[in-house]
């Protein structure tokens, strides 16, 4: 049990150290402002990024979200490309992350009240085991799909830091909003209402 606590502490200290390094190494130029500051939100300009046929794939708001396929906690394979025509919330999280814990009840409420597909991608290699993920899902009574990023390949391809990080993807597969840090229910609703 002590090894688990030490490992979690080391991971948290490492993430904090990286965040401090990242913040202090960013340039002060307003044109090259770092888009990875926790708590920062990015929205697509009205009318931009609505046609997925002409939109390039990328991680920025207004670009088509990169496709991925992962297996859920219930052994079901889900691909982002198979959800075209649906509004999708992609959320990267871990059980040991306090802001992730804080936003999960709001995510469940959002999922229950709106026509949204939530893909909650767990950074599984940072967990001590799948039991922690199952216990977390049970504790928060989560009904949306929990996807397992066992090797953190999707988190790496999406350049995730910090967690939670959320992408709101419209029905054309285009990123409409990106939030670094936890979102609350009101923010989720606001972004949902702006999606097409």
N, C-alpha and C. Protein backbone atom coordinates (compact mmCIF):
# COMPACT_ATOMS: atom_id res chain seq x y z
N UNK A 1 0.82 -1.19 0.00
CA UNK A 1 0.00 0.00 0.00
C UNK A 1 0.87 1.26 0.00
N UNK A 2 1.96 1.25 0.72
CA UNK A 2 2.85 2.41 0.75
C UNK A 2 3.48 2.67 -0.60
N UNK A 3 3.78 1.62 -1.36
CA UNK A 3 4.36 1.78 -2.69
C UNK A 3 3.38 2.50 -3.59
N UNK A 4 2.09 2.16 -3.49
CA UNK A 4 1.06 2.81 -4.29
C UNK A 4 1.00 4.31 -3.97
N UNK A 5 1.04 4.65 -2.69
CA UNK A 5 0.99 6.07 -2.29
C UNK A 5 2.23 6.81 -2.78
N UNK A 6 3.38 6.16 -2.69
CA UNK A 6 4.63 6.77 -3.16
C UNK A 6 4.56 6.99 -4.66
N UNK A 7 4.08 5.98 -5.40
CA UNK A 7 3.97 6.10 -6.85
C UNK A 7 3.03 7.23 -7.24
N UNK A 8 1.88 7.32 -6.60
CA UNK A 8 0.93 8.39 -6.89
C UNK A 8 1.54 9.75 -6.57
N UNK A 9 2.23 9.85 -5.44
CA UNK A 9 2.88 11.10 -5.06
C UNK A 9 3.93 11.51 -6.09
N UNK A 10 4.74 10.55 -6.54
CA UNK A 10 5.77 10.83 -7.54
C UNK A 10 5.14 11.31 -8.84
N UNK A 11 4.05 10.64 -9.27
CA UNK A 11 3.37 11.05 -10.50
C UNK A 11 2.81 12.46 -10.38
N UNK A 12 2.18 12.76 -9.25
CA UNK A 12 1.59 14.09 -9.05
C UNK A 12 2.68 15.16 -9.00
N UNK A 13 3.77 14.89 -8.28
CA UNK A 13 4.88 15.84 -8.21
C UNK A 13 5.48 16.04 -9.61
N UNK A 14 5.62 14.94 -10.35
CA UNK A 14 6.15 15.03 -11.71
C UNK A 14 5.27 15.88 -12.61
N UNK A 15 3.94 15.68 -12.51
CA UNK A 15 3.01 16.47 -13.32
C UNK A 15 3.07 17.94 -12.92
N UNK A 16 3.16 18.20 -11.63
CA UNK A 16 3.24 19.58 -11.15
C UNK A 16 4.53 20.22 -11.65
N UNK A 17 5.62 19.48 -11.54
CA UNK A 17 6.91 19.99 -12.01
C UNK A 17 6.88 20.29 -13.50
N UNK A 18 6.26 19.40 -14.27
CA UNK A 18 6.14 19.63 -15.71
C UNK A 18 5.29 20.87 -15.98
N UNK A 19 4.20 21.02 -15.25
CA UNK A 19 3.32 22.18 -15.44
C UNK A 19 4.08 23.47 -15.15
N UNK A 20 4.87 23.48 -14.06
CA UNK A 20 5.65 24.67 -13.72
C UNK A 20 6.69 24.94 -14.81
N UNK A 21 7.38 23.90 -15.24
CA UNK A 21 8.36 24.05 -16.32
C UNK A 21 7.71 24.59 -17.58
N UNK A 22 6.57 23.98 -17.96
CA UNK A 22 5.86 24.39 -19.17
C UNK A 22 5.41 25.84 -19.08
N UNK A 23 4.91 26.23 -17.92
CA UNK A 23 4.43 27.60 -17.73
C UNK A 23 5.58 28.60 -17.80
N UNK A 24 6.70 28.27 -17.16
CA UNK A 24 7.83 29.21 -17.13
C UNK A 24 8.60 29.24 -18.44
N UNK A 25 8.49 28.20 -19.26
CA UNK A 25 9.24 28.18 -20.51
C UNK A 25 8.44 28.74 -21.68
N UNK A 26 7.17 29.08 -21.46
CA UNK A 26 6.38 29.63 -22.56
C UNK A 26 6.81 31.05 -22.85
N UNK A 27 6.64 31.44 -24.10
CA UNK A 27 7.04 32.79 -24.48
C UNK A 27 6.00 33.79 -24.02
N UNK A 28 6.41 35.03 -23.91
CA UNK A 28 5.49 36.07 -23.46
C UNK A 28 4.78 36.73 -24.63
N UNK A 29 5.12 36.37 -25.83
CA UNK A 29 4.48 36.95 -27.01
C UNK A 29 3.03 36.54 -27.09
N UNK A 30 2.15 37.49 -27.31
CA UNK A 30 0.73 37.18 -27.36
C UNK A 30 0.37 36.36 -28.59
N UNK A 31 1.20 36.41 -29.64
CA UNK A 31 0.90 35.63 -30.83
C UNK A 31 1.32 34.19 -30.70
N UNK A 32 2.20 33.89 -29.77
CA UNK A 32 2.62 32.50 -29.58
C UNK A 32 2.33 32.03 -28.17
N UNK A 33 1.23 32.51 -27.63
CA UNK A 33 0.84 32.15 -26.27
C UNK A 33 0.64 30.65 -26.17
N UNK A 34 1.11 30.05 -25.09
CA UNK A 34 1.00 28.61 -24.88
C UNK A 34 -0.45 28.22 -24.69
N UNK A 35 -0.95 27.27 -25.50
CA UNK A 35 -2.33 26.82 -25.43
C UNK A 35 -2.51 25.66 -24.46
N UNK A 36 -1.53 25.38 -23.62
CA UNK A 36 -1.63 24.26 -22.70
C UNK A 36 -1.73 24.69 -21.25
N UNK A 37 -2.16 25.91 -20.98
CA UNK A 37 -2.33 26.36 -19.61
C UNK A 37 -3.59 25.74 -19.04
N UNK A 38 -3.49 25.16 -17.86
CA UNK A 38 -4.64 24.53 -17.24
C UNK A 38 -5.73 25.56 -17.00
N UNK A 39 -6.96 25.13 -17.24
CA UNK A 39 -8.11 26.00 -17.03
C UNK A 39 -8.41 26.88 -18.24
N UNK A 40 -7.63 26.77 -19.28
CA UNK A 40 -7.83 27.59 -20.46
C UNK A 40 -8.83 26.91 -21.38
N UNK A 41 -9.65 27.72 -22.04
CA UNK A 41 -10.63 27.20 -22.96
C UNK A 41 -10.43 27.84 -24.33
N UNK A 42 -10.71 27.07 -25.36
CA UNK A 42 -10.58 27.52 -26.73
C UNK A 42 -11.86 27.18 -27.46
N UNK A 43 -12.41 28.14 -28.20
CA UNK A 43 -13.65 27.93 -28.94
C UNK A 43 -13.44 28.20 -30.41
N UNK A 44 -14.23 27.52 -31.22
CA UNK A 44 -14.17 27.75 -32.66
C UNK A 44 -14.95 29.03 -32.98
N UNK A 45 -14.41 29.79 -33.92
CA UNK A 45 -15.12 30.99 -34.37
C UNK A 45 -16.39 30.56 -35.10
N UNK A 46 -17.44 31.32 -34.95
CA UNK A 46 -18.71 30.97 -35.56
C UNK A 46 -18.56 30.79 -37.06
N UNK A 47 -19.10 29.68 -37.56
CA UNK A 47 -19.06 29.42 -38.99
C UNK A 47 -17.80 28.72 -39.46
N UNK A 48 -16.79 28.58 -38.62
CA UNK A 48 -15.56 27.90 -39.02
C UNK A 48 -15.60 26.44 -38.61
N UNK A 49 -14.95 25.61 -39.38
CA UNK A 49 -14.76 24.22 -39.01
C UNK A 49 -16.00 23.37 -39.05
N UNK A 50 -16.99 23.75 -39.88
CA UNK A 50 -18.22 22.98 -39.89
C UNK A 50 -18.24 21.91 -40.97
N UNK A 51 -17.36 21.97 -41.95
CA UNK A 51 -17.34 21.00 -43.03
C UNK A 51 -16.13 20.08 -42.87
N UNK A 52 -16.41 18.84 -42.46
CA UNK A 52 -15.31 17.92 -42.17
C UNK A 52 -14.60 17.46 -43.44
N UNK A 53 -15.23 17.63 -44.62
CA UNK A 53 -14.58 17.21 -45.85
C UNK A 53 -13.43 18.13 -46.25
N UNK A 54 -13.49 19.39 -45.86
CA UNK A 54 -12.44 20.33 -46.23
C UNK A 54 -11.55 20.71 -45.04
N UNK A 55 -11.87 20.18 -43.89
CA UNK A 55 -11.14 20.52 -42.67
C UNK A 55 -9.99 19.53 -42.46
N UNK A 56 -8.82 20.05 -42.16
CA UNK A 56 -7.66 19.20 -41.90
C UNK A 56 -7.74 18.61 -40.50
N UNK A 57 -7.12 17.46 -40.34
CA UNK A 57 -7.06 16.80 -39.04
C UNK A 57 -6.03 17.51 -38.18
N UNK A 58 -6.35 17.74 -36.92
CA UNK A 58 -5.42 18.39 -36.00
C UNK A 58 -6.01 18.46 -34.61
N UNK A 59 -5.26 19.02 -33.70
CA UNK A 59 -5.68 19.11 -32.30
C UNK A 59 -6.22 20.48 -31.94
N UNK A 60 -6.18 21.42 -32.87
CA UNK A 60 -6.64 22.76 -32.58
C UNK A 60 -8.14 22.87 -32.83
N UNK A 61 -8.75 23.82 -32.16
CA UNK A 61 -10.16 24.11 -32.38
C UNK A 61 -10.33 24.50 -33.84
N UNK A 62 -11.36 23.94 -34.49
CA UNK A 62 -11.61 24.20 -35.90
C UNK A 62 -11.04 23.13 -36.82
N UNK A 63 -10.26 22.21 -36.27
CA UNK A 63 -9.71 21.09 -37.05
C UNK A 63 -10.49 19.81 -36.74
N UNK A 64 -10.40 18.87 -37.66
CA UNK A 64 -11.06 17.58 -37.48
C UNK A 64 -10.30 16.77 -36.42
N UNK A 65 -11.04 16.24 -35.45
CA UNK A 65 -10.41 15.47 -34.37
C UNK A 65 -9.78 14.20 -34.93
N UNK A 66 -8.54 13.89 -34.53
CA UNK A 66 -7.89 12.67 -34.98
C UNK A 66 -8.69 11.43 -34.57
N UNK A 67 -8.81 10.50 -35.49
CA UNK A 67 -9.56 9.28 -35.21
C UNK A 67 -8.78 8.37 -34.26
N UNK A 68 -9.49 7.55 -33.54
CA UNK A 68 -8.88 6.55 -32.66
C UNK A 68 -9.88 5.44 -32.43
N UNK A 69 -9.37 4.31 -32.00
CA UNK A 69 -10.21 3.18 -31.58
C UNK A 69 -9.67 2.65 -30.28
N UNK A 70 -10.55 2.51 -29.30
CA UNK A 70 -10.18 1.96 -27.99
C UNK A 70 -11.24 0.98 -27.53
N UNK A 71 -10.86 0.17 -26.56
CA UNK A 71 -11.79 -0.78 -25.95
C UNK A 71 -12.29 -0.20 -24.64
N UNK A 72 -13.58 -0.41 -24.39
CA UNK A 72 -14.18 0.09 -23.16
C UNK A 72 -13.91 -0.86 -22.00
N UNK A 73 -14.27 -0.41 -20.83
CA UNK A 73 -14.15 -1.23 -19.62
C UNK A 73 -14.99 -2.50 -19.75
N UNK A 74 -16.02 -2.43 -20.62
CA UNK A 74 -16.90 -3.59 -20.86
C UNK A 74 -16.53 -4.35 -22.13
N UNK A 75 -15.29 -4.20 -22.60
CA UNK A 75 -14.74 -4.92 -23.76
C UNK A 75 -15.44 -4.62 -25.08
N UNK A 76 -15.98 -3.44 -25.25
CA UNK A 76 -16.58 -3.03 -26.51
C UNK A 76 -15.61 -2.07 -27.21
N UNK A 77 -15.41 -2.27 -28.52
CA UNK A 77 -14.52 -1.39 -29.28
C UNK A 77 -15.32 -0.19 -29.77
N UNK A 78 -14.75 1.01 -29.57
CA UNK A 78 -15.38 2.24 -30.03
C UNK A 78 -14.36 3.04 -30.84
N UNK A 79 -14.81 3.49 -32.02
CA UNK A 79 -13.99 4.35 -32.87
C UNK A 79 -14.66 5.72 -32.97
N UNK A 80 -13.87 6.76 -32.91
CA UNK A 80 -14.42 8.11 -33.06
C UNK A 80 -15.07 8.27 -34.44
N UNK A 81 -14.45 7.70 -35.47
CA UNK A 81 -14.98 7.85 -36.84
C UNK A 81 -16.36 7.23 -37.00
N UNK A 82 -16.71 6.26 -36.18
CA UNK A 82 -18.04 5.64 -36.25
C UNK A 82 -19.12 6.49 -35.61
N UNK A 83 -18.74 7.61 -35.01
CA UNK A 83 -19.71 8.47 -34.32
C UNK A 83 -20.06 9.71 -35.12
N UNK A 84 -19.71 9.71 -36.42
CA UNK A 84 -20.04 10.87 -37.26
C UNK A 84 -21.55 11.09 -37.24
N UNK A 85 -21.94 12.34 -37.12
CA UNK A 85 -23.35 12.68 -37.01
C UNK A 85 -23.79 12.87 -35.57
N UNK A 86 -22.90 12.53 -34.63
CA UNK A 86 -23.21 12.69 -33.20
C UNK A 86 -22.31 13.76 -32.59
N UNK A 87 -22.85 14.45 -31.60
CA UNK A 87 -22.04 15.38 -30.82
C UNK A 87 -21.28 14.54 -29.79
N UNK A 88 -19.96 14.78 -29.70
CA UNK A 88 -19.11 13.93 -28.86
C UNK A 88 -18.28 14.79 -27.91
N UNK A 89 -18.23 14.34 -26.67
CA UNK A 89 -17.33 14.93 -25.67
C UNK A 89 -16.24 13.90 -25.39
N UNK A 90 -14.99 14.26 -25.69
CA UNK A 90 -13.85 13.37 -25.42
C UNK A 90 -13.16 13.93 -24.18
N UNK A 91 -13.07 13.10 -23.15
CA UNK A 91 -12.50 13.55 -21.88
C UNK A 91 -11.38 12.61 -21.46
N UNK A 92 -10.19 13.16 -21.23
CA UNK A 92 -9.04 12.38 -20.77
C UNK A 92 -8.93 12.55 -19.26
N UNK A 93 -8.82 11.42 -18.52
CA UNK A 93 -8.89 11.47 -17.07
C UNK A 93 -8.16 10.29 -16.44
N UNK A 94 -8.02 10.35 -15.10
CA UNK A 94 -7.47 9.24 -14.31
C UNK A 94 -8.14 9.26 -12.93
N UNK A 95 -8.18 8.12 -12.28
CA UNK A 95 -8.85 8.01 -10.98
C UNK A 95 -8.15 8.81 -9.89
N UNK A 96 -6.83 8.98 -10.00
CA UNK A 96 -6.05 9.65 -8.96
C UNK A 96 -6.02 11.17 -9.12
N UNK A 97 -6.71 11.69 -10.13
CA UNK A 97 -6.70 13.12 -10.46
C UNK A 97 -7.87 13.83 -9.76
N UNK A 98 -7.60 14.70 -8.75
CA UNK A 98 -8.69 15.38 -8.03
C UNK A 98 -9.63 16.20 -8.93
N UNK A 99 -9.14 16.98 -9.91
CA UNK A 99 -10.08 17.70 -10.77
C UNK A 99 -10.96 16.75 -11.61
N UNK A 100 -10.39 15.59 -11.97
CA UNK A 100 -11.19 14.59 -12.72
C UNK A 100 -12.34 14.10 -11.85
N UNK A 101 -12.04 13.81 -10.59
CA UNK A 101 -13.07 13.38 -9.65
C UNK A 101 -14.15 14.45 -9.49
N UNK A 102 -13.72 15.71 -9.47
CA UNK A 102 -14.66 16.81 -9.26
C UNK A 102 -15.63 16.96 -10.43
N UNK A 103 -15.17 16.71 -11.66
CA UNK A 103 -16.05 16.95 -12.81
C UNK A 103 -16.91 15.75 -13.19
N UNK A 104 -16.60 14.56 -12.68
CA UNK A 104 -17.34 13.36 -13.09
C UNK A 104 -18.85 13.42 -12.79
N UNK A 105 -19.28 13.89 -11.62
CA UNK A 105 -20.74 13.97 -11.40
C UNK A 105 -21.42 14.91 -12.41
N UNK A 106 -20.76 16.01 -12.77
CA UNK A 106 -21.31 16.92 -13.77
C UNK A 106 -21.35 16.26 -15.15
N UNK A 107 -20.33 15.47 -15.46
CA UNK A 107 -20.32 14.76 -16.75
C UNK A 107 -21.47 13.76 -16.82
N UNK A 108 -21.72 13.04 -15.73
CA UNK A 108 -22.83 12.08 -15.71
C UNK A 108 -24.17 12.81 -15.87
N UNK A 109 -24.34 13.91 -15.17
CA UNK A 109 -25.57 14.71 -15.29
C UNK A 109 -25.73 15.20 -16.73
N UNK A 110 -24.66 15.68 -17.33
CA UNK A 110 -24.66 16.16 -18.70
C UNK A 110 -25.07 15.03 -19.66
N UNK A 111 -24.50 13.86 -19.46
CA UNK A 111 -24.79 12.69 -20.29
C UNK A 111 -26.27 12.30 -20.17
N UNK A 112 -26.82 12.39 -18.98
CA UNK A 112 -28.22 12.01 -18.75
C UNK A 112 -29.19 13.03 -19.34
N UNK A 113 -28.80 14.31 -19.36
CA UNK A 113 -29.73 15.37 -19.74
C UNK A 113 -29.64 15.83 -21.19
N UNK A 114 -28.57 15.49 -21.89
CA UNK A 114 -28.39 15.96 -23.26
C UNK A 114 -28.08 14.81 -24.20
N UNK A 115 -28.34 15.03 -25.48
CA UNK A 115 -28.05 14.02 -26.51
C UNK A 115 -26.58 14.15 -26.91
N UNK A 116 -25.73 13.64 -26.06
CA UNK A 116 -24.27 13.75 -26.23
C UNK A 116 -23.64 12.37 -26.04
N UNK A 117 -22.64 12.07 -26.83
CA UNK A 117 -21.86 10.85 -26.62
C UNK A 117 -20.61 11.25 -25.86
N UNK A 118 -20.40 10.66 -24.71
CA UNK A 118 -19.20 10.95 -23.92
C UNK A 118 -18.25 9.77 -24.05
N UNK A 119 -17.02 10.07 -24.43
CA UNK A 119 -15.95 9.08 -24.46
C UNK A 119 -14.95 9.49 -23.38
N UNK A 120 -15.03 8.84 -22.24
CA UNK A 120 -14.15 9.14 -21.11
C UNK A 120 -12.93 8.23 -21.22
N UNK A 121 -11.82 8.80 -21.69
CA UNK A 121 -10.61 8.01 -21.95
C UNK A 121 -9.73 8.02 -20.71
N UNK A 122 -9.64 6.85 -20.08
CA UNK A 122 -8.83 6.69 -18.88
C UNK A 122 -7.38 6.45 -19.27
N UNK A 123 -6.46 7.17 -18.61
CA UNK A 123 -5.03 6.98 -18.83
C UNK A 123 -4.61 5.74 -18.01
N UNK A 124 -4.96 4.59 -18.54
CA UNK A 124 -4.91 3.33 -17.80
C UNK A 124 -3.52 2.95 -17.32
N UNK A 125 -2.49 3.29 -18.08
CA UNK A 125 -1.13 2.91 -17.65
C UNK A 125 -0.69 3.68 -16.40
N UNK A 126 -1.39 4.76 -16.04
CA UNK A 126 -1.05 5.51 -14.83
C UNK A 126 -1.79 4.98 -13.61
N UNK A 127 -2.71 4.06 -13.83
CA UNK A 127 -3.50 3.48 -12.72
C UNK A 127 -2.74 2.31 -12.12
N UNK A 128 -3.05 2.01 -10.87
CA UNK A 128 -2.40 0.84 -10.25
C UNK A 128 -3.04 -0.46 -10.71
N UNK A 129 -4.23 -0.38 -11.28
CA UNK A 129 -4.89 -1.56 -11.81
C UNK A 129 -6.30 -1.23 -12.28
N UNK A 130 -6.88 -2.14 -13.05
CA UNK A 130 -8.24 -1.93 -13.56
C UNK A 130 -9.27 -1.91 -12.43
N UNK A 131 -8.94 -2.52 -11.31
CA UNK A 131 -9.84 -2.49 -10.16
C UNK A 131 -10.13 -1.08 -9.70
N UNK A 132 -9.11 -0.22 -9.75
CA UNK A 132 -9.30 1.19 -9.37
C UNK A 132 -10.28 1.89 -10.30
N UNK A 133 -10.18 1.58 -11.59
CA UNK A 133 -11.07 2.20 -12.57
C UNK A 133 -12.50 1.70 -12.35
N UNK A 134 -12.66 0.39 -12.16
CA UNK A 134 -13.99 -0.18 -11.91
C UNK A 134 -14.61 0.40 -10.62
N UNK A 135 -13.81 0.51 -9.58
CA UNK A 135 -14.29 1.08 -8.31
C UNK A 135 -14.72 2.53 -8.50
N UNK A 136 -13.96 3.28 -9.27
CA UNK A 136 -14.26 4.68 -9.54
C UNK A 136 -15.61 4.80 -10.27
N UNK A 137 -15.79 3.98 -11.30
CA UNK A 137 -17.03 4.00 -12.08
C UNK A 137 -18.22 3.65 -11.18
N UNK A 138 -18.03 2.69 -10.31
CA UNK A 138 -19.10 2.28 -9.38
C UNK A 138 -19.38 3.39 -8.37
N UNK A 139 -18.32 3.99 -7.82
CA UNK A 139 -18.47 5.05 -6.83
C UNK A 139 -19.28 6.24 -7.37
N UNK A 140 -19.01 6.61 -8.63
CA UNK A 140 -19.67 7.77 -9.22
C UNK A 140 -20.91 7.38 -10.05
N UNK A 141 -21.21 6.07 -10.10
CA UNK A 141 -22.38 5.56 -10.82
C UNK A 141 -22.39 6.09 -12.26
N UNK A 142 -21.27 5.90 -12.95
CA UNK A 142 -21.11 6.42 -14.31
C UNK A 142 -21.73 5.46 -15.33
N UNK A 143 -22.50 6.01 -16.26
CA UNK A 143 -23.16 5.17 -17.26
C UNK A 143 -22.62 5.38 -18.68
N UNK A 144 -21.76 6.40 -18.88
CA UNK A 144 -21.19 6.62 -20.20
C UNK A 144 -19.98 5.72 -20.40
N UNK A 145 -19.57 5.52 -21.67
CA UNK A 145 -18.45 4.60 -21.94
C UNK A 145 -17.13 5.07 -21.33
N UNK A 146 -16.44 4.14 -20.69
CA UNK A 146 -15.10 4.38 -20.15
C UNK A 146 -14.12 3.63 -21.06
N UNK A 147 -13.33 4.39 -21.81
CA UNK A 147 -12.37 3.79 -22.73
C UNK A 147 -11.01 3.67 -22.05
N UNK A 148 -10.32 2.58 -22.34
CA UNK A 148 -9.04 2.30 -21.69
C UNK A 148 -7.89 2.56 -22.65
N UNK A 149 -7.10 3.57 -22.34
CA UNK A 149 -5.90 3.88 -23.11
C UNK A 149 -4.73 3.20 -22.40
N UNK A 150 -4.62 1.89 -22.61
CA UNK A 150 -3.68 1.06 -21.85
C UNK A 150 -2.22 1.49 -21.96
N UNK A 151 -1.82 1.96 -23.11
CA UNK A 151 -0.42 2.38 -23.32
C UNK A 151 -0.29 3.90 -23.42
N UNK A 152 -1.38 4.61 -23.17
CA UNK A 152 -1.43 6.08 -23.31
C UNK A 152 -1.11 6.54 -24.73
N UNK A 153 -1.37 5.68 -25.72
CA UNK A 153 -1.11 6.04 -27.12
C UNK A 153 -2.01 7.17 -27.59
N UNK A 154 -3.29 7.12 -27.21
CA UNK A 154 -4.22 8.16 -27.66
C UNK A 154 -3.92 9.46 -26.92
N UNK A 155 -3.65 9.36 -25.62
CA UNK A 155 -3.28 10.56 -24.85
C UNK A 155 -2.03 11.21 -25.43
N UNK A 156 -1.09 10.40 -25.87
CA UNK A 156 0.13 10.93 -26.48
C UNK A 156 -0.18 11.58 -27.82
N UNK A 157 -0.99 10.93 -28.64
CA UNK A 157 -1.30 11.50 -29.96
C UNK A 157 -2.13 12.78 -29.83
N UNK A 158 -2.91 12.89 -28.75
CA UNK A 158 -3.68 14.11 -28.49
C UNK A 158 -2.88 15.12 -27.65
N UNK A 159 -1.63 14.79 -27.36
CA UNK A 159 -0.72 15.67 -26.60
C UNK A 159 -1.37 16.15 -25.30
N UNK A 160 -1.89 15.19 -24.53
CA UNK A 160 -2.64 15.52 -23.33
C UNK A 160 -1.71 15.89 -22.18
N UNK A 161 -1.92 17.08 -21.67
CA UNK A 161 -1.37 17.60 -20.43
C UNK A 161 -2.05 18.92 -20.20
N UNK A 162 -2.59 19.24 -19.18
CA UNK A 162 -2.82 18.44 -17.98
C UNK A 162 -4.08 17.59 -18.16
N UNK A 163 -4.42 16.84 -17.10
CA UNK A 163 -5.71 16.17 -17.09
C UNK A 163 -6.52 16.79 -15.96
N UNK A 164 -7.82 16.85 -16.12
CA UNK A 164 -8.56 16.44 -17.31
C UNK A 164 -8.38 17.43 -18.46
N UNK A 165 -8.49 16.90 -19.66
CA UNK A 165 -8.57 17.71 -20.86
C UNK A 165 -9.79 17.22 -21.63
N UNK A 166 -10.58 18.15 -22.14
CA UNK A 166 -11.82 17.81 -22.83
C UNK A 166 -11.86 18.45 -24.20
N UNK A 167 -12.30 17.66 -25.17
CA UNK A 167 -12.56 18.13 -26.52
C UNK A 167 -14.06 17.96 -26.78
N UNK A 168 -14.71 19.03 -27.25
CA UNK A 168 -16.10 18.96 -27.68
C UNK A 168 -16.06 18.91 -29.20
N UNK A 169 -16.55 17.81 -29.77
CA UNK A 169 -16.47 17.55 -31.20
C UNK A 169 -17.88 17.59 -31.79
N UNK A 170 -18.08 18.40 -32.82
CA UNK A 170 -19.42 18.53 -33.39
C UNK A 170 -19.79 17.32 -34.24
N UNK A 171 -20.99 17.35 -34.80
CA UNK A 171 -21.51 16.20 -35.55
C UNK A 171 -20.74 15.95 -36.84
N UNK A 172 -19.91 16.90 -37.27
CA UNK A 172 -19.06 16.71 -38.44
C UNK A 172 -17.66 16.22 -38.07
N UNK A 173 -17.42 15.98 -36.79
CA UNK A 173 -16.11 15.50 -36.35
C UNK A 173 -15.10 16.59 -36.13
N UNK A 174 -15.55 17.84 -36.09
CA UNK A 174 -14.66 18.99 -35.95
C UNK A 174 -14.63 19.46 -34.49
N UNK A 175 -13.45 19.75 -34.00
CA UNK A 175 -13.30 20.23 -32.62
C UNK A 175 -13.89 21.63 -32.51
N UNK A 176 -14.90 21.77 -31.66
CA UNK A 176 -15.56 23.05 -31.44
C UNK A 176 -15.02 23.77 -30.21
N UNK A 177 -14.52 22.98 -29.26
CA UNK A 177 -14.09 23.55 -27.99
C UNK A 177 -13.05 22.62 -27.36
N UNK A 178 -12.09 23.24 -26.71
CA UNK A 178 -11.06 22.47 -25.99
C UNK A 178 -10.90 23.10 -24.62
N UNK A 179 -10.98 22.30 -23.57
CA UNK A 179 -10.84 22.79 -22.21
C UNK A 179 -9.70 22.05 -21.52
N UNK A 180 -8.77 22.80 -20.96
CA UNK A 180 -7.66 22.24 -20.20
C UNK A 180 -7.99 22.45 -18.73
N UNK A 181 -8.32 21.37 -18.04
CA UNK A 181 -8.79 21.46 -16.67
C UNK A 181 -10.25 21.05 -16.61
N UNK A 182 -10.76 20.95 -15.41
CA UNK A 182 -12.13 20.47 -15.19
C UNK A 182 -13.16 21.46 -15.73
N UNK A 183 -14.25 20.90 -16.24
CA UNK A 183 -15.41 21.70 -16.67
C UNK A 183 -16.55 21.43 -15.69
N UNK A 184 -17.40 22.42 -15.50
CA UNK A 184 -18.59 22.18 -14.69
C UNK A 184 -19.79 22.00 -15.62
N UNK A 185 -20.93 21.65 -15.04
CA UNK A 185 -22.13 21.35 -15.83
C UNK A 185 -22.54 22.53 -16.71
N UNK A 186 -22.51 23.73 -16.16
CA UNK A 186 -22.92 24.91 -16.92
C UNK A 186 -22.02 25.14 -18.14
N UNK A 187 -20.72 24.92 -17.98
CA UNK A 187 -19.79 25.06 -19.11
C UNK A 187 -20.08 24.00 -20.17
N UNK A 188 -20.37 22.78 -19.73
CA UNK A 188 -20.69 21.71 -20.68
C UNK A 188 -21.94 22.06 -21.48
N UNK A 189 -22.97 22.54 -20.79
CA UNK A 189 -24.23 22.92 -21.46
C UNK A 189 -23.97 24.05 -22.46
N UNK A 190 -23.21 25.04 -22.05
CA UNK A 190 -22.91 26.19 -22.92
C UNK A 190 -22.24 25.72 -24.21
N UNK A 191 -21.24 24.84 -24.09
CA UNK A 191 -20.55 24.35 -25.26
C UNK A 191 -21.44 23.46 -26.12
N UNK A 192 -22.27 22.67 -25.48
CA UNK A 192 -23.20 21.79 -26.20
C UNK A 192 -24.15 22.62 -27.07
N UNK A 193 -24.66 23.70 -26.50
CA UNK A 193 -25.63 24.55 -27.22
C UNK A 193 -25.01 25.27 -28.40
N UNK A 194 -23.67 25.39 -28.42
CA UNK A 194 -22.98 26.04 -29.53
C UNK A 194 -22.55 25.05 -30.63
N UNK A 195 -22.74 23.76 -30.36
CA UNK A 195 -22.33 22.73 -31.32
C UNK A 195 -23.40 22.51 -32.37
N UNK A 196 -22.96 22.07 -33.58
CA UNK A 196 -23.93 21.71 -34.62
C UNK A 196 -23.88 20.24 -34.89
